[in-house]
Amino acid sequence: MSDKEKAEDFEEVVDQEEQTEAESANDIEQEEDMQEELSVEEQLREDLAKEKDKFLRLFAEFENFKRRTSKERMDLFKTAGQEIIISLLPVLDDFERALKEMAKSEDKEMFKGVELIRVKFRETLKSKGLEEVQAEVGDAFDAEIHEAITQIPAPNKKLKGKIVDVVEKGFKLGDRIIRHPKVVVGN
């Protein structure tokens, strides 16, 4: 082989190596571009997942807010006239006292008239949600329901820790007690 042929072969080998190096560099660049595209795509997917999560949490929080305000509004409607009803309870007590005194008198017609007014008044309050809290002599004392105004020695052993006397009736409006029954407890 001549020097010229050797030089040409050498140049061919060098050209092939350069071409191979260029192809491998291109392959590496393409792989890096693919990885960058994948990482950009993955980044976008992660961002989308974060935004979806954020949206779902915000939506759930808003639903809880709606439910809570709706419940508060319903409670408000249930007890809207609570102040008025509480202020009318002493009038109801006065009717009870008046009837006790009128029962002692001879005028039965007046007693019937006052009794009719009391019944009508009580039924009107009942239609607005007022209920009497039951407390009778001999019932067990419950501090959550009853209000003990005093304690006295129990007249018999059966009344120890129980209600001996009911001084004032209690009432509740819906599920809420607006006036606890005032009772005397035996000890």
C-alpha atoms as a PDB file:
ATOM      1  CA  MET A   1       0.000   0.000   0.000  1.00  0.00           C
ATOM      2  CA  SER A   2       1.140   3.352  -0.780  1.00  0.00           C
ATOM      3  CA  ASP A   3       1.275   6.250   1.568  1.00  0.00           C
ATOM      4  CA  LYS A   4      -1.547   7.829  -0.271  1.00  0.00           C
ATOM      5  CA  GLU A   5      -3.775   4.807   0.171  1.00  0.00           C
ATOM      6  CA  LYS A   6      -2.794   4.552   3.788  1.00  0.00           C
ATOM      7  CA  ALA A   7      -3.669   8.181   4.273  1.00  0.00           C
ATOM      8  CA  GLU A   8      -7.004   7.655   2.553  1.00  0.00           C
ATOM      9  CA  ASP A   9      -7.769   4.574   4.662  1.00  0.00           C
ATOM     10  CA  PHE A  10      -6.707   6.506   7.737  1.00  0.00           C
ATOM     11  CA  GLU A  11      -8.972   9.390   6.767  1.00  0.00           C
ATOM     12  CA  GLU A  12     -11.840   6.958   6.179  1.00  0.00           C
ATOM     13  CA  VAL A  13     -11.328   5.402   9.597  1.00  0.00           C
ATOM     14  CA  VAL A  14     -11.127   8.851  11.183  1.00  0.00           C
ATOM     15  CA  ASP A  15     -14.240   9.933   9.275  1.00  0.00           C
ATOM     16  CA  GLN A  16     -16.097   6.824  10.403  1.00  0.00           C
ATOM     17  CA  GLU A  17     -15.030   7.399  14.012  1.00  0.00           C
ATOM     18  CA  GLU A  18     -16.049  11.033  13.820  1.00  0.00           C
ATOM     19  CA  GLN A  19     -19.361   9.997  12.287  1.00  0.00           C
ATOM     20  CA  THR A  20     -19.874   7.393  15.018  1.00  0.00           C
ATOM     21  CA  GLU A  21     -18.970   9.946  17.679  1.00  0.00           C
ATOM     22  CA  ALA A  22     -21.356  12.445  16.111  1.00  0.00           C
ATOM     23  CA  GLU A  23     -24.133   9.842  15.983  1.00  0.00           C
ATOM     24  CA  SER A  24     -23.544   8.850  19.593  1.00  0.00           C
ATOM     25  CA  ALA A  25     -23.499  12.548  20.579  1.00  0.00           C
ATOM     26  CA  ASN A  26     -26.773  12.998  18.696  1.00  0.00           C
ATOM     27  CA  ASP A  27     -28.191   9.937  20.440  1.00  0.00           C
ATOM     28  CA  ILE A  28     -27.139  11.334  23.813  1.00  0.00           C
ATOM     29  CA  GLU A  29     -28.655  14.717  22.987  1.00  0.00           C
ATOM     30  CA  GLN A  30     -31.883  13.040  21.845  1.00  0.00           C
ATOM     31  CA  GLU A  31     -32.004  11.008  25.047  1.00  0.00           C
ATOM     32  CA  GLU A  32     -31.420  14.141  27.120  1.00  0.00           C
ATOM     33  CA  ASP A  33     -34.124  15.945  25.138  1.00  0.00           C
ATOM     34  CA  MET A  34     -36.471  12.981  25.722  1.00  0.00           C
ATOM     35  CA  GLN A  35     -35.632  12.996  29.429  1.00  0.00           C
ATOM     36  CA  GLU A  36     -36.214  16.735  29.570  1.00  0.00           C
ATOM     37  CA  GLU A  37     -39.537  16.271  27.753  1.00  0.00           C
ATOM     38  CA  LEU A  38     -40.455  13.469  30.133  1.00  0.00           C
ATOM     39  CA  SER A  39     -39.410  15.484  33.138  1.00  0.00           C
ATOM     40  CA  VAL A  40     -41.400  18.478  31.843  1.00  0.00           C
ATOM     41  CA  GLU A  41     -44.355  16.184  31.230  1.00  0.00           C
ATOM     42  CA  GLU A  42     -43.928  14.587  34.659  1.00  0.00           C
ATOM     43  CA  GLN A  43     -43.642  18.050  36.212  1.00  0.00           C
ATOM     44  CA  LEU A  44     -46.874  19.091  34.486  1.00  0.00           C
ATOM     45  CA  ARG A  45     -48.605  15.934  35.720  1.00  0.00           C
ATOM     46  CA  GLU A  46     -47.433  16.622  39.287  1.00  0.00           C
ATOM     47  CA  ASP A  47     -48.633  20.220  39.031  1.00  0.00           C
ATOM     48  CA  LEU A  48     -51.988  19.017  37.714  1.00  0.00           C
ATOM     49  CA  ALA A  49     -52.291  16.513  40.566  1.00  0.00           C
ATOM     50  CA  LYS A  50     -51.475  19.256  43.112  1.00  0.00           C
ATOM     51  CA  GLU A  51     -54.071  21.579  41.594  1.00  0.00           C
ATOM     52  CA  LYS A  52     -56.694  18.805  41.569  1.00  0.00           C
ATOM     53  CA  ASP A  53     -55.965  18.077  45.228  1.00  0.00           C
ATOM     54  CA  LYS A  54     -56.165  21.770  46.070  1.00  0.00           C
ATOM     55  CA  PHE A  55     -59.469  22.061  44.194  1.00  0.00           C
ATOM     56  CA  LEU A  56     -60.969  19.018  45.925  1.00  0.00           C
ATOM     57  CA  ARG A  57     -59.974  20.310  49.353  1.00  0.00           C
ATOM     58  CA  LEU A  58     -61.418  23.732  48.587  1.00  0.00           C
ATOM     59  CA  PHE A  59     -64.618  22.158  47.291  1.00  0.00           C
ATOM     60  CA  ALA A  60     -64.939  19.967  50.408  1.00  0.00           C
ATOM     61  CA  GLU A  61     -64.319  22.980  52.644  1.00  0.00           C
ATOM     62  CA  PHE A  62     -67.016  24.931  50.810  1.00  0.00           C
ATOM     63  CA  GLU A  63     -69.491  22.037  51.137  1.00  0.00           C
ATOM     64  CA  ASN A  64     -68.774  21.880  54.888  1.00  0.00           C
ATOM     65  CA  PHE A  65     -69.328  25.633  55.112  1.00  0.00           C
ATOM     66  CA  LYS A  66     -72.671  25.343  53.300  1.00  0.00           C
ATOM     67  CA  ARG A  67     -73.780  22.468  55.539  1.00  0.00           C
ATOM     68  CA  ARG A  68     -72.715  24.320  58.711  1.00  0.00           C
ATOM     69  CA  THR A  69     -74.449  27.585  57.771  1.00  0.00           C
ATOM     70  CA  SER A  70     -77.570  25.679  56.739  1.00  0.00           C
ATOM     71  CA  LYS A  71     -77.636  23.929  60.130  1.00  0.00           C
ATOM     72  CA  GLU A  72     -77.075  27.221  61.959  1.00  0.00           C
ATOM     73  CA  ARG A  73     -79.908  28.809  59.975  1.00  0.00           C
ATOM     74  CA  MET A  74     -82.244  25.918  60.841  1.00  0.00           C
ATOM     75  CA  ASP A  75     -81.324  26.229  64.522  1.00  0.00           C
ATOM     76  CA  LEU A  76     -81.992  29.943  64.343  1.00  0.00           C
ATOM     77  CA  PHE A  77     -85.441  29.353  62.853  1.00  0.00           C
ATOM     78  CA  LYS A  78     -86.221  26.756  65.525  1.00  0.00           C
ATOM     79  CA  THR A  79     -85.372  29.141  68.353  1.00  0.00           C
ATOM     80  CA  ALA A  80     -86.264  32.431  66.659  1.00  0.00           C
ATOM     81  CA  GLY A  81     -88.908  33.336  69.237  1.00  0.00           C
ATOM     82  CA  GLN A  82     -86.958  32.021  72.217  1.00  0.00           C
ATOM     83  CA  GLU A  83     -86.615  35.404  73.917  1.00  0.00           C
ATOM     84  CA  ILE A  84     -90.326  36.135  73.589  1.00  0.00           C
ATOM     85  CA  ILE A  85     -91.299  32.691  74.858  1.00  0.00           C
ATOM     86  CA  ILE A  86     -88.911  33.014  77.810  1.00  0.00           C
ATOM     87  CA  SER A  87     -90.479  36.355  78.700  1.00  0.00           C
ATOM     88  CA  LEU A  88     -93.971  34.763  78.553  1.00  0.00           C
ATOM     89  CA  LEU A  89     -93.116  31.908  80.950  1.00  0.00           C
ATOM     90  CA  PRO A  90     -93.768  34.020  84.085  1.00  0.00           C
ATOM     91  CA  VAL A  91     -97.229  34.829  82.681  1.00  0.00           C
ATOM     92  CA  LEU A  92     -97.886  31.100  82.355  1.00  0.00           C
ATOM     93  CA  ASP A  93     -96.727  30.636  85.963  1.00  0.00           C
ATOM     94  CA  ASP A  94     -99.098  33.402  87.063  1.00  0.00           C
ATOM     95  CA  PHE A  95    -101.994  31.613  85.360  1.00  0.00           C
ATOM     96  CA  GLU A  96    -101.143  28.468  87.344  1.00  0.00           C
ATOM     97  CA  ARG A  97    -101.074  30.404  90.622  1.00  0.00           C
ATOM     98  CA  ALA A  98    -104.302  32.225  89.784  1.00  0.00           C
ATOM     99  CA  LEU A  99    -106.079  28.962  89.059  1.00  0.00           C
ATOM    100  CA  LYS A 100    -104.937  27.500  92.394  1.00  0.00           C
ATOM    101  CA  GLU A 101    -106.393  30.489  94.227  1.00  0.00           C
ATOM    102  CA  MET A 102    -109.574  30.561  92.147  1.00  0.00           C
ATOM    103  CA  ALA A 103    -110.189  26.871  92.864  1.00  0.00           C
ATOM    104  CA  LYS A 104    -110.687  27.894  96.504  1.00  0.00           C
ATOM    105  CA  SER A 105    -113.419  30.405  95.633  1.00  0.00           C
ATOM    106  CA  GLU A 106    -117.092  29.675  94.957  1.00  0.00           C
ATOM    107  CA  ASP A 107    -117.210  31.285  91.471  1.00  0.00           C
ATOM    108  CA  LYS A 108    -116.851  28.259  89.186  1.00  0.00           C
ATOM    109  CA  GLU A 109    -117.694  30.208  85.987  1.00  0.00           C
ATOM    110  CA  MET A 110    -114.746  32.553  86.484  1.00  0.00           C
ATOM    111  CA  PHE A 111    -112.526  29.539  87.151  1.00  0.00           C
ATOM    112  CA  LYS A 112    -113.670  27.950  83.848  1.00  0.00           C
ATOM    113  CA  GLY A 113    -113.030  31.200  81.941  1.00  0.00           C
ATOM    114  CA  VAL A 114    -109.508  31.617  83.300  1.00  0.00           C
ATOM    115  CA  GLU A 115    -108.845  27.902  82.710  1.00  0.00           C
ATOM    116  CA  LEU A 116    -109.901  28.266  79.042  1.00  0.00           C
ATOM    117  CA  ILE A 117    -107.564  31.255  78.593  1.00  0.00           C
ATOM    118  CA  ARG A 118    -104.688  29.359  80.227  1.00  0.00           C
ATOM    119  CA  VAL A 119    -105.262  26.300  78.023  1.00  0.00           C
ATOM    120  CA  LYS A 120    -105.389  28.433  74.887  1.00  0.00           C
ATOM    121  CA  PHE A 121    -102.234  30.306  75.920  1.00  0.00           C
ATOM    122  CA  ARG A 122    -100.427  27.056  76.719  1.00  0.00           C
ATOM    123  CA  GLU A 123    -101.474  25.442  73.420  1.00  0.00           C
ATOM    124  CA  THR A 124    -100.258  28.495  71.494  1.00  0.00           C
ATOM    125  CA  LEU A 125     -96.854  28.226  73.161  1.00  0.00           C
ATOM    126  CA  LYS A 126     -96.824  24.465  72.554  1.00  0.00           C
ATOM    127  CA  SER A 127     -97.471  25.042  68.833  1.00  0.00           C
ATOM    128  CA  LYS A 128     -94.342  27.221  68.790  1.00  0.00           C
ATOM    129  CA  GLY A 129     -92.276  24.319  70.164  1.00  0.00           C
ATOM    130  CA  LEU A 130     -92.500  24.844  73.930  1.00  0.00           C
ATOM    131  CA  GLU A 131     -92.572  21.638  75.979  1.00  0.00           C
ATOM    132  CA  GLU A 132     -92.640  21.099  79.712  1.00  0.00           C
ATOM    133  CA  VAL A 133     -89.658  19.328  81.253  1.00  0.00           C
ATOM    134  CA  GLN A 134     -91.101  16.555  83.383  1.00  0.00           C
ATOM    135  CA  ALA A 135     -90.005  16.721  87.008  1.00  0.00           C
ATOM    136  CA  GLU A 136     -92.084  15.046  89.683  1.00  0.00           C
ATOM    137  CA  VAL A 137     -91.660  14.162  93.326  1.00  0.00           C
ATOM    138  CA  GLY A 138     -89.697  10.921  93.614  1.00  0.00           C
ATOM    139  CA  ASP A 139     -87.773  11.321  90.342  1.00  0.00           C
ATOM    140  CA  ALA A 140     -84.000  10.948  90.492  1.00  0.00           C
ATOM    141  CA  PHE A 141     -82.174  14.277  90.580  1.00  0.00           C
ATOM    142  CA  ASP A 142     -80.188  14.987  87.396  1.00  0.00           C
ATOM    143  CA  ALA A 143     -77.941  18.072  87.564  1.00  0.00           C
ATOM    144  CA  GLU A 144     -78.029  18.420  83.771  1.00  0.00           C
ATOM    145  CA  ILE A 145     -81.818  18.759  83.720  1.00  0.00           C
ATOM    146  CA  HIS A 146     -82.859  19.993  87.164  1.00  0.00           C
ATOM    147  CA  GLU A 147     -81.783  23.022  89.155  1.00  0.00           C
ATOM    148  CA  ALA A 148     -81.554  22.268  92.881  1.00  0.00           C
ATOM    149  CA  ILE A 149     -82.462  25.353  94.878  1.00  0.00           C
ATOM    150  CA  THR A 150     -82.038  23.658  98.245  1.00  0.00           C
ATOM    151  CA  GLN A 151     -81.513  20.344 100.012  1.00  0.00           C
ATOM    152  CA  ILE A 152     -83.531  19.153 102.942  1.00  0.00           C
ATOM    153  CA  PRO A 153     -83.456  15.983 105.031  1.00  0.00           C
ATOM    154  CA  ALA A 154     -85.426  13.340 103.144  1.00  0.00           C
ATOM    155  CA  PRO A 155     -88.836  12.605 104.698  1.00  0.00           C
ATOM    156  CA  ASN A 156     -88.195   8.896 104.092  1.00  0.00           C
ATOM    157  CA  LYS A 157     -85.319   6.733 102.870  1.00  0.00           C
ATOM    158  CA  LYS A 158     -86.848   6.353  99.392  1.00  0.00           C
ATOM    159  CA  LEU A 159     -86.422  10.080  98.678  1.00  0.00           C
ATOM    160  CA  LYS A 160     -82.683  10.298  99.430  1.00  0.00           C
ATOM    161  CA  GLY A 161     -81.010  11.897  96.382  1.00  0.00           C
ATOM    162  CA  LYS A 162     -84.384  12.326  94.752  1.00  0.00           C
ATOM    163  CA  ILE A 163     -86.728  15.233  94.149  1.00  0.00           C
ATOM    164  CA  VAL A 164     -88.807  16.090  97.208  1.00  0.00           C
ATOM    165  CA  ASP A 165     -90.661  19.117  95.792  1.00  0.00           C
ATOM    166  CA  VAL A 166     -90.951  20.968  92.463  1.00  0.00           C
ATOM    167  CA  VAL A 167     -90.919  24.725  93.102  1.00  0.00           C
ATOM    168  CA  GLU A 168     -91.024  25.933  89.476  1.00  0.00           C
ATOM    169  CA  LYS A 169     -91.703  23.994  86.277  1.00  0.00           C
ATOM    170  CA  GLY A 170     -89.050  23.766  83.600  1.00  0.00           C
ATOM    171  CA  PHE A 171     -89.500  24.159  79.862  1.00  0.00           C
ATOM    172  CA  LYS A 172     -87.619  23.348  76.708  1.00  0.00           C
ATOM    173  CA  LEU A 173     -87.879  24.799  73.244  1.00  0.00           C
ATOM    174  CA  GLY A 174     -87.180  22.075  70.708  1.00  0.00           C
ATOM    175  CA  ASP A 175     -84.268  20.074  72.114  1.00  0.00           C
ATOM    176  CA  ARG A 176     -82.871  22.914  74.202  1.00  0.00           C
ATOM    177  CA  ILE A 177     -83.844  23.542  77.832  1.00  0.00           C
ATOM    178  CA  ILE A 178     -84.672  27.245  78.214  1.00  0.00           C
ATOM    179  CA  ARG A 179     -85.651  27.048  81.897  1.00  0.00           C
ATOM    180  CA  HIS A 180     -84.564  24.254  84.208  1.00  0.00           C
ATOM    181  CA  PRO A 181     -87.131  22.994  86.704  1.00  0.00           C
ATOM    182  CA  LYS A 182     -86.327  24.308  90.164  1.00  0.00           C
ATOM    183  CA  VAL A 183     -86.496  21.468  92.679  1.00  0.00           C
ATOM    184  CA  VAL A 184     -85.839  20.615  96.293  1.00  0.00           C
ATOM    185  CA  VAL A 185     -83.642  17.540  96.777  1.00  0.00           C
ATOM    186  CA  GLY A 186     -83.675  15.166  99.747  1.00  0.00           C
ATOM    187  CA  ASN A 187     -80.382  14.189 101.359  1.00  0.00           C
END
